[in-house]
C-alpha atoms as a PDB file:
ATOM      1  CA  MET A   1       9.361 -12.157  -2.897  1.00  0.00           C
ATOM      2  CA  ILE A   2       8.015  -9.931  -5.679  1.00  0.00           C
ATOM      3  CA  VAL A   3       5.985  -6.764  -5.061  1.00  0.00           C
ATOM      4  CA  ALA A   4       3.999  -5.846  -8.190  1.00  0.00           C
ATOM      5  CA  PRO A   5       2.612  -2.270  -8.166  1.00  0.00           C
ATOM      6  CA  ALA A   6       0.103  -2.742 -11.006  1.00  0.00           C
ATOM      7  CA  GLY A   7      -2.162  -5.397 -12.476  1.00  0.00           C
ATOM      8  CA  SER A   8       0.051  -5.828 -15.535  1.00  0.00           C
ATOM      9  CA  ALA A   9       3.150  -6.187 -13.356  1.00  0.00           C
ATOM     10  CA  ALA A  10       1.437  -8.785 -11.174  1.00  0.00           C
ATOM     11  CA  LEU A  11       0.353 -10.774 -14.223  1.00  0.00           C
ATOM     12  CA  ALA A  12       3.877 -10.684 -15.668  1.00  0.00           C
ATOM     13  CA  ALA A  13       5.282 -11.892 -12.346  1.00  0.00           C
ATOM     14  CA  LYS A  14       2.681 -14.670 -12.083  1.00  0.00           C
ATOM     15  CA  ASN A  15       3.511 -15.827 -15.610  1.00  0.00           C
ATOM     16  CA  ALA A  16       7.181 -15.943 -14.637  1.00  0.00           C
ATOM     17  CA  THR A  17       6.879 -17.975 -11.436  1.00  0.00           C
ATOM     18  CA  THR A  18       4.437 -20.167  -9.530  1.00  0.00           C
ATOM     19  CA  THR A  19       6.611 -20.508  -6.426  1.00  0.00           C
ATOM     20  CA  ILE A  20       7.954 -17.068  -5.469  1.00  0.00           C
ATOM     21  CA  PRO A  21       5.386 -15.155  -3.354  1.00  0.00           C
ATOM     22  CA  ILE A  22       3.895 -12.152  -5.170  1.00  0.00           C
ATOM     23  CA  VAL A  23       2.236  -9.204  -3.410  1.00  0.00           C
ATOM     24  CA  MET A  24       0.127  -7.244  -5.905  1.00  0.00           C
ATOM     25  CA  MET A  25      -1.152  -3.698  -5.639  1.00  0.00           C
ATOM     26  CA  PHE A  26      -3.993  -1.991  -7.505  1.00  0.00           C
ATOM     27  CA  PRO A  27      -5.330  -4.527 -10.047  1.00  0.00           C
ATOM     28  CA  THR A  28      -8.972  -3.681 -10.797  1.00  0.00           C
ATOM     29  CA  ASP A  29     -10.317  -7.239 -10.865  1.00  0.00           C
ATOM     30  CA  PRO A  30      -7.659  -9.796  -9.868  1.00  0.00           C
ATOM     31  CA  VAL A  31     -10.049 -12.729 -10.301  1.00  0.00           C
ATOM     32  CA  ALA A  32     -11.067 -11.783 -13.841  1.00  0.00           C
ATOM     33  CA  ALA A  33      -7.413 -11.111 -14.672  1.00  0.00           C
ATOM     34  CA  GLY A  34      -6.494 -14.633 -13.594  1.00  0.00           C
ATOM     35  CA  LEU A  35      -4.234 -13.496 -10.758  1.00  0.00           C
ATOM     36  CA  VAL A  36      -6.129 -15.311  -7.986  1.00  0.00           C
ATOM     37  CA  ALA A  37      -8.777 -18.028  -7.796  1.00  0.00           C
ATOM     38  CA  SER A  38     -10.945 -15.953  -5.463  1.00  0.00           C
ATOM     39  CA  LEU A  39     -10.586 -12.939  -3.206  1.00  0.00           C
ATOM     40  CA  ARG A  40     -11.099 -14.939  -0.004  1.00  0.00           C
ATOM     41  CA  ARG A  41      -8.855 -17.838  -1.025  1.00  0.00           C
ATOM     42  CA  PRO A  42      -6.264 -16.714  -3.598  1.00  0.00           C
ATOM     43  CA  GLY A  43      -5.073 -20.310  -3.887  1.00  0.00           C
ATOM     44  CA  GLY A  44      -1.661 -19.711  -5.452  1.00  0.00           C
ATOM     45  CA  ASN A  45       1.445 -17.608  -4.941  1.00  0.00           C
ATOM     46  CA  VAL A  46      -0.301 -14.233  -5.427  1.00  0.00           C
ATOM     47  CA  THR A  47      -2.149 -12.059  -2.911  1.00  0.00           C
ATOM     48  CA  GLY A  48      -2.291  -8.394  -1.917  1.00  0.00           C
ATOM     49  CA  THR A  49      -4.635  -5.479  -2.528  1.00  0.00           C
ATOM     50  CA  SER A  50      -7.158  -4.656  -5.241  1.00  0.00           C
ATOM     51  CA  PHE A  51      -7.725  -1.185  -6.688  1.00  0.00           C
ATOM     52  CA  SER A  52     -11.457  -1.262  -6.152  1.00  0.00           C
ATOM     53  CA  ALA A  53     -14.331  -3.056  -4.541  1.00  0.00           C
ATOM     54  CA  GLY A  54     -15.086  -4.105  -8.111  1.00  0.00           C
ATOM     55  CA  PRO A  55     -14.920  -2.482 -11.522  1.00  0.00           C
ATOM     56  CA  GLU A  56     -18.135  -0.622 -10.628  1.00  0.00           C
ATOM     57  CA  ILE A  57     -15.916   2.212  -9.404  1.00  0.00           C
ATOM     58  CA  PHE A  58     -15.527   3.342 -13.003  1.00  0.00           C
ATOM     59  CA  GLY A  59     -19.283   3.751 -13.353  1.00  0.00           C
ATOM     60  CA  LYS A  60     -19.255   5.831 -10.175  1.00  0.00           C
ATOM     61  CA  GLN A  61     -16.490   7.995 -11.616  1.00  0.00           C
ATOM     62  CA  LEU A  62     -18.615   8.660 -14.676  1.00  0.00           C
ATOM     63  CA  GLN A  63     -21.607   9.595 -12.520  1.00  0.00           C
ATOM     64  CA  ILE A  64     -19.530  12.147 -10.613  1.00  0.00           C
ATOM     65  CA  LEU A  65     -18.094  13.529 -13.855  1.00  0.00           C
ATOM     66  CA  LYS A  66     -21.600  13.978 -15.270  1.00  0.00           C
ATOM     67  CA  GLU A  67     -22.702  15.694 -12.069  1.00  0.00           C
ATOM     68  CA  ALA A  68     -19.742  18.074 -12.293  1.00  0.00           C
ATOM     69  CA  ILE A  69     -20.190  18.724 -16.033  1.00  0.00           C
ATOM     70  CA  PRO A  70     -23.963  18.336 -16.538  1.00  0.00           C
ATOM     71  CA  LYS A  71     -23.923  19.703 -20.088  1.00  0.00           C
ATOM     72  CA  ALA A  72     -21.497  17.025 -21.301  1.00  0.00           C
ATOM     73  CA  SER A  73     -23.101  14.402 -23.542  1.00  0.00           C
ATOM     74  CA  ARG A  74     -20.013  12.905 -25.236  1.00  0.00           C
ATOM     75  CA  VAL A  75     -17.383  11.408 -22.927  1.00  0.00           C
ATOM     76  CA  ALA A  76     -14.140   9.703 -23.915  1.00  0.00           C
ATOM     77  CA  ILE A  77     -12.470   6.993 -21.843  1.00  0.00           C
ATOM     78  CA  LEU A  78      -8.707   6.640 -22.193  1.00  0.00           C
ATOM     79  CA  THR A  79      -7.539   3.051 -21.739  1.00  0.00           C
ATOM     80  CA  ASN A  80      -4.377   1.057 -22.248  1.00  0.00           C
ATOM     81  CA  PRO A  81      -5.247  -2.054 -24.297  1.00  0.00           C
ATOM     82  CA  ALA A  82      -2.071  -3.750 -23.058  1.00  0.00           C
ATOM     83  CA  ILE A  83      -3.371  -4.167 -19.498  1.00  0.00           C
ATOM     84  CA  PRO A  84      -5.579  -7.111 -18.490  1.00  0.00           C
ATOM     85  CA  ASP A  85      -8.204  -4.892 -16.826  1.00  0.00           C
ATOM     86  CA  ALA A  86      -8.918  -2.621 -19.812  1.00  0.00           C
ATOM     87  CA  ASN A  87     -12.030  -4.412 -21.057  1.00  0.00           C
ATOM     88  CA  ALA A  88     -13.490  -4.707 -17.545  1.00  0.00           C
ATOM     89  CA  GLN A  89     -13.054  -0.965 -17.061  1.00  0.00           C
ATOM     90  CA  VAL A  90     -14.769  -0.105 -20.336  1.00  0.00           C
ATOM     91  CA  LYS A  91     -17.614  -2.571 -19.767  1.00  0.00           C
ATOM     92  CA  GLN A  92     -18.542  -0.958 -16.462  1.00  0.00           C
ATOM     93  CA  VAL A  93     -18.312   2.557 -17.882  1.00  0.00           C
ATOM     94  CA  GLU A  94     -20.484   1.556 -20.856  1.00  0.00           C
ATOM     95  CA  GLY A  95     -23.262   0.479 -18.506  1.00  0.00           C
ATOM     96  CA  ALA A  96     -23.068   3.727 -16.562  1.00  0.00           C
ATOM     97  CA  ALA A  97     -22.971   5.746 -19.792  1.00  0.00           C
ATOM     98  CA  ARG A  98     -26.206   4.148 -21.012  1.00  0.00           C
ATOM     99  CA  ALA A  99     -27.898   4.886 -17.685  1.00  0.00           C
ATOM    100  CA  LEU A 100     -26.761   8.518 -17.866  1.00  0.00           C
ATOM    101  CA  ASN A 101     -27.680   8.847 -21.566  1.00  0.00           C
ATOM    102  CA  LEU A 102     -24.079   9.604 -22.510  1.00  0.00           C
ATOM    103  CA  HIS A 103     -22.263   8.751 -25.713  1.00  0.00           C
ATOM    104  CA  LEU A 104     -19.055   6.932 -24.730  1.00  0.00           C
ATOM    105  CA  GLN A 105     -15.981   6.952 -26.935  1.00  0.00           C
ATOM    106  CA  ARG A 106     -13.161   4.477 -26.225  1.00  0.00           C
ATOM    107  CA  VAL A 107      -9.707   5.838 -27.000  1.00  0.00           C
ATOM    108  CA  GLU A 108      -6.543   3.792 -26.533  1.00  0.00           C
ATOM    109  CA  ALA A 109      -2.936   4.685 -25.728  1.00  0.00           C
ATOM    110  CA  ARG A 110      -0.195   2.252 -24.741  1.00  0.00           C
ATOM    111  CA  GLY A 111       2.240   4.974 -23.717  1.00  0.00           C
ATOM    112  CA  PRO A 112       3.103   8.680 -23.973  1.00  0.00           C
ATOM    113  CA  GLU A 113       4.140   8.289 -27.605  1.00  0.00           C
ATOM    114  CA  GLU A 114       0.445   7.652 -28.406  1.00  0.00           C
ATOM    115  CA  PHE A 115      -1.060  10.487 -26.328  1.00  0.00           C
ATOM    116  CA  ALA A 116      -1.017  13.057 -29.137  1.00  0.00           C
ATOM    117  CA  SER A 117      -2.900  10.777 -31.522  1.00  0.00           C
ATOM    118  CA  ALA A 118      -5.349   9.760 -28.772  1.00  0.00           C
ATOM    119  CA  PHE A 119      -6.252  13.367 -28.013  1.00  0.00           C
ATOM    120  CA  ALA A 120      -6.514  14.079 -31.731  1.00  0.00           C
ATOM    121  CA  VAL A 121      -9.145  11.321 -31.941  1.00  0.00           C
ATOM    122  CA  MET A 122     -11.028  12.859 -29.000  1.00  0.00           C
ATOM    123  CA  ALA A 123     -11.035  16.236 -30.735  1.00  0.00           C
ATOM    124  CA  ARG A 124     -12.231  14.723 -33.999  1.00  0.00           C
ATOM    125  CA  GLU A 125     -15.067  12.928 -32.205  1.00  0.00           C
ATOM    126  CA  LYS A 126     -15.924  16.112 -30.271  1.00  0.00           C
ATOM    127  CA  ALA A 127     -15.478  14.650 -26.793  1.00  0.00           C
ATOM    128  CA  GLU A 128     -16.647  17.019 -24.056  1.00  0.00           C
ATOM    129  CA  ALA A 129     -15.033  15.287 -21.075  1.00  0.00           C
ATOM    130  CA  LEU A 130     -12.477  12.557 -20.412  1.00  0.00           C
ATOM    131  CA  LEU A 131     -12.347   9.635 -18.014  1.00  0.00           C
ATOM    132  CA  VAL A 132      -8.729   8.535 -17.561  1.00  0.00           C
ATOM    133  CA  GLY A 133      -8.562   4.789 -16.970  1.00  0.00           C
ATOM    134  CA  ASN A 134      -6.733   3.065 -14.149  1.00  0.00           C
ATOM    135  CA  ASP A 135      -3.284   2.247 -15.510  1.00  0.00           C
ATOM    136  CA  ALA A 136       0.227   2.817 -14.185  1.00  0.00           C
ATOM    137  CA  THR A 137       1.206   4.380 -17.538  1.00  0.00           C
ATOM    138  CA  PHE A 138      -1.350   7.139 -17.024  1.00  0.00           C
ATOM    139  CA  LEU A 139      -0.140   7.652 -13.460  1.00  0.00           C
ATOM    140  CA  VAL A 140       3.546   7.884 -14.376  1.00  0.00           C
ATOM    141  CA  ASN A 141       2.761  10.279 -17.245  1.00  0.00           C
ATOM    142  CA  ARG A 142       0.130  12.273 -15.347  1.00  0.00           C
ATOM    143  CA  GLU A 143       1.674  15.678 -16.140  1.00  0.00           C
ATOM    144  CA  LYS A 144       1.579  14.959 -19.884  1.00  0.00           C
ATOM    145  CA  ILE A 145      -2.042  13.838 -19.746  1.00  0.00           C
ATOM    146  CA  ALA A 146      -3.028  16.907 -17.739  1.00  0.00           C
ATOM    147  CA  GLU A 147      -1.213  19.131 -20.239  1.00  0.00           C
ATOM    148  CA  TYR A 148      -2.930  17.523 -23.240  1.00  0.00           C
ATOM    149  CA  ALA A 149      -6.337  17.691 -21.553  1.00  0.00           C
ATOM    150  CA  LEU A 150      -5.958  21.338 -20.585  1.00  0.00           C
ATOM    151  CA  LYS A 151      -4.845  22.260 -24.093  1.00  0.00           C
ATOM    152  CA  ALA A 152      -7.873  20.411 -25.491  1.00  0.00           C
ATOM    153  CA  LYS A 153     -10.125  22.046 -22.855  1.00  0.00           C
ATOM    154  CA  LEU A 154     -11.254  18.618 -21.673  1.00  0.00           C
ATOM    155  CA  PRO A 155     -12.365  18.225 -18.024  1.00  0.00           C
ATOM    156  CA  THR A 156     -10.959  14.981 -16.672  1.00  0.00           C
ATOM    157  CA  MET A 157     -11.999  12.362 -14.148  1.00  0.00           C
ATOM    158  CA  CYS A 158      -8.904  10.508 -12.927  1.00  0.00           C
ATOM    159  CA  SER A 159      -8.323   7.204 -11.184  1.00  0.00           C
ATOM    160  CA  TRP A 160      -5.520   8.568  -9.006  1.00  0.00           C
ATOM    161  CA  ARG A 161      -5.314  11.498  -6.634  1.00  0.00           C
ATOM    162  CA  GLU A 162      -1.820  12.169  -7.967  1.00  0.00           C
ATOM    163  CA  ASN A 163      -3.250  12.836 -11.443  1.00  0.00           C
ATOM    164  CA  VAL A 164      -5.410  15.594  -9.990  1.00  0.00           C
ATOM    165  CA  GLU A 165      -2.441  17.075  -8.139  1.00  0.00           C
ATOM    166  CA  ALA A 166      -0.637  17.136 -11.502  1.00  0.00           C
ATOM    167  CA  GLY A 167      -3.425  19.157 -13.124  1.00  0.00           C
ATOM    168  CA  GLY A 168      -6.364  16.797 -13.679  1.00  0.00           C
ATOM    169  CA  LEU A 169      -9.796  18.161 -12.768  1.00  0.00           C
ATOM    170  CA  ILE A 170     -11.374  15.476 -10.555  1.00  0.00           C
ATOM    171  CA  GLY A 171     -10.235  12.236  -8.980  1.00  0.00           C
ATOM    172  CA  TYR A 172     -12.252   9.500  -7.301  1.00  0.00           C
ATOM    173  CA  SER A 173     -10.245   6.547  -6.061  1.00  0.00           C
ATOM    174  CA  VAL A 174      -8.498   4.849  -3.186  1.00  0.00           C
ATOM    175  CA  ASN A 175      -5.658   6.626  -1.420  1.00  0.00           C
ATOM    176  CA  MET A 176      -2.556   5.087  -2.989  1.00  0.00           C
ATOM    177  CA  ILE A 177      -0.262   5.781  -0.019  1.00  0.00           C
ATOM    178  CA  ASP A 178      -2.663   4.045   2.359  1.00  0.00           C
ATOM    179  CA  PHE A 179      -2.841   0.988   0.153  1.00  0.00           C
ATOM    180  CA  ILE A 180       0.920   0.776  -0.245  1.00  0.00           C
ATOM    181  CA  THR A 181       1.057   0.611   3.552  1.00  0.00           C
ATOM    182  CA  HIS A 182      -1.483  -2.233   3.497  1.00  0.00           C
ATOM    183  CA  ALA A 183       0.604  -4.085   0.916  1.00  0.00           C
ATOM    184  CA  ALA A 184       3.597  -3.797   3.233  1.00  0.00           C
ATOM    185  CA  GLY A 185       1.551  -5.711   5.793  1.00  0.00           C
ATOM    186  CA  TYR A 186       1.285  -8.627   3.353  1.00  0.00           C
ATOM    187  CA  VAL A 187       5.044  -8.591   2.849  1.00  0.00           C
ATOM    188  CA  ASP A 188       5.570  -8.755   6.608  1.00  0.00           C
ATOM    189  CA  LYS A 189       3.138 -11.669   7.055  1.00  0.00           C
ATOM    190  CA  ILE A 190       4.671 -13.688   4.218  1.00  0.00           C
ATOM    191  CA  LEU A 191       8.206 -13.105   5.483  1.00  0.00           C
ATOM    192  CA  ARG A 192       7.015 -14.414   8.840  1.00  0.00           C
ATOM    193  CA  GLY A 193       5.818 -17.642   7.246  1.00  0.00           C
ATOM    194  CA  ALA A 194       2.267 -17.030   5.990  1.00  0.00           C
ATOM    195  CA  LYS A 195       1.329 -18.483   2.586  1.00  0.00           C
ATOM    196  CA  PRO A 196      -0.075 -16.146  -0.105  1.00  0.00           C
ATOM    197  CA  ALA A 197      -2.736 -18.768  -0.899  1.00  0.00           C
ATOM    198  CA  ASP A 198      -4.203 -18.306   2.597  1.00  0.00           C
ATOM    199  CA  LEU A 199      -4.167 -14.478   2.742  1.00  0.00           C
ATOM    200  CA  PRO A 200      -7.417 -12.912   1.415  1.00  0.00           C
ATOM    201  CA  VAL A 201      -7.095 -10.097  -1.102  1.00  0.00           C
ATOM    202  CA  GLU A 202      -7.946  -6.765   0.513  1.00  0.00           C
ATOM    203  CA  GLN A 203     -10.472  -4.516  -1.194  1.00  0.00           C
ATOM    204  CA  PRO A 204     -10.839  -0.840  -0.324  1.00  0.00           C
ATOM    205  CA  THR A 205     -13.806   0.371   1.674  1.00  0.00           C
ATOM    206  CA  LYS A 206     -13.041   4.084   1.470  1.00  0.00           C
ATOM    207  CA  PHE A 207     -12.703   6.254  -1.616  1.00  0.00           C
ATOM    208  CA  GLU A 208     -11.706   9.898  -1.762  1.00  0.00           C
ATOM    209  CA  LEU A 209     -12.971  12.676  -3.998  1.00  0.00           C
ATOM    210  CA  VAL A 210     -10.339  15.245  -4.952  1.00  0.00           C
ATOM    211  CA  ILE A 211     -10.896  18.321  -7.111  1.00  0.00           C
ATOM    212  CA  ASN A 212      -8.462  20.832  -8.574  1.00  0.00           C
ATOM    213  CA  MET A 213      -9.820  24.389  -8.476  1.00  0.00           C
ATOM    214  CA  LYS A 214      -6.869  25.753 -10.467  1.00  0.00           C
ATOM    215  CA  THR A 215      -7.791  23.494 -13.363  1.00  0.00           C
ATOM    216  CA  ALA A 216     -11.483  24.311 -12.922  1.00  0.00           C
ATOM    217  CA  LYS A 217     -10.737  28.020 -13.244  1.00  0.00           C
ATOM    218  CA  ALA A 218      -8.542  27.432 -16.301  1.00  0.00           C
ATOM    219  CA  LEU A 219     -11.433  25.548 -17.929  1.00  0.00           C
ATOM    220  CA  ALA A 220     -14.040  28.079 -16.729  1.00  0.00           C
ATOM    221  CA  ILE A 221     -15.857  25.341 -14.806  1.00  0.00           C
ATOM    222  CA  LYS A 222     -17.934  26.124 -11.750  1.00  0.00           C
ATOM    223  CA  PHE A 223     -18.489  23.056  -9.608  1.00  0.00           C
ATOM    224  CA  PRO A 224     -21.977  22.381  -8.234  1.00  0.00           C
ATOM    225  CA  GLN A 225     -22.185  22.794  -4.485  1.00  0.00           C
ATOM    226  CA  SER A 226     -22.983  19.098  -4.158  1.00  0.00           C
ATOM    227  CA  ILE A 227     -19.511  18.240  -5.490  1.00  0.00           C
ATOM    228  CA  LEU A 228     -17.694  20.764  -3.320  1.00  0.00           C
ATOM    229  CA  LEU A 229     -19.420  19.556  -0.156  1.00  0.00           C
ATOM    230  CA  ARG A 230     -18.455  15.946  -0.805  1.00  0.00           C
ATOM    231  CA  ALA A 231     -14.823  16.638  -1.727  1.00  0.00           C
ATOM    232  CA  ASP A 232     -12.222  15.150   0.617  1.00  0.00           C
ATOM    233  CA  LYS A 233      -9.577  17.525  -0.725  1.00  0.00           C
ATOM    234  CA  VAL A 234      -9.763  20.740  -2.721  1.00  0.00           C
ATOM    235  CA  ILE A 235      -6.576  21.870  -4.464  1.00  0.00           C
ATOM    236  CA  GLU A 236      -6.553  25.680  -4.649  1.00  0.00           C
END
């Protein structure tokens, strides 16, 4: 069995084998990425959990970011062009940006060696806030991203709670620890004889809003009461 903790990892595993069971975690849109035939009937050797109830979560993240930083009119989105979900993420954010009358700037980075140039582009384009895309690279290097953003005085909306704990401003996403536990349930079922093709992909039904008050103070940001009241966790 293969457990793939990201959409790119799941796709690499699927390209390597059509017989070994694969349990994926956190792809944004596993159907669009070609990982499964459908969410209800995966139909192959891949099943598991999806990061969102659809890529619409990225539009919701942008709405919350705009609510928290109402004066922002130019927002950058940091994506990794190497992952299969990158275009789906940007497409959803573009729609939300138009509805919110925001200018959206797409900035790409494949790894930490490209962070400096990515933030230089944001500065040149006068970005006023940053939406950090859902990618394992941005999770693993969360401290570096938080450091760059703070230095650039960019408030961030993150796709992982752990990014906020590392210094990001706001996070709106699934609880990663909970979903890892759910993925373990797939492993157990498959080891007991279930076929991945018959196990529906699980989508999250609960999202958590996390804010970092230390970062807010460092950026001289005062959250609206509406954000504070909805927060599931406030990091002091």
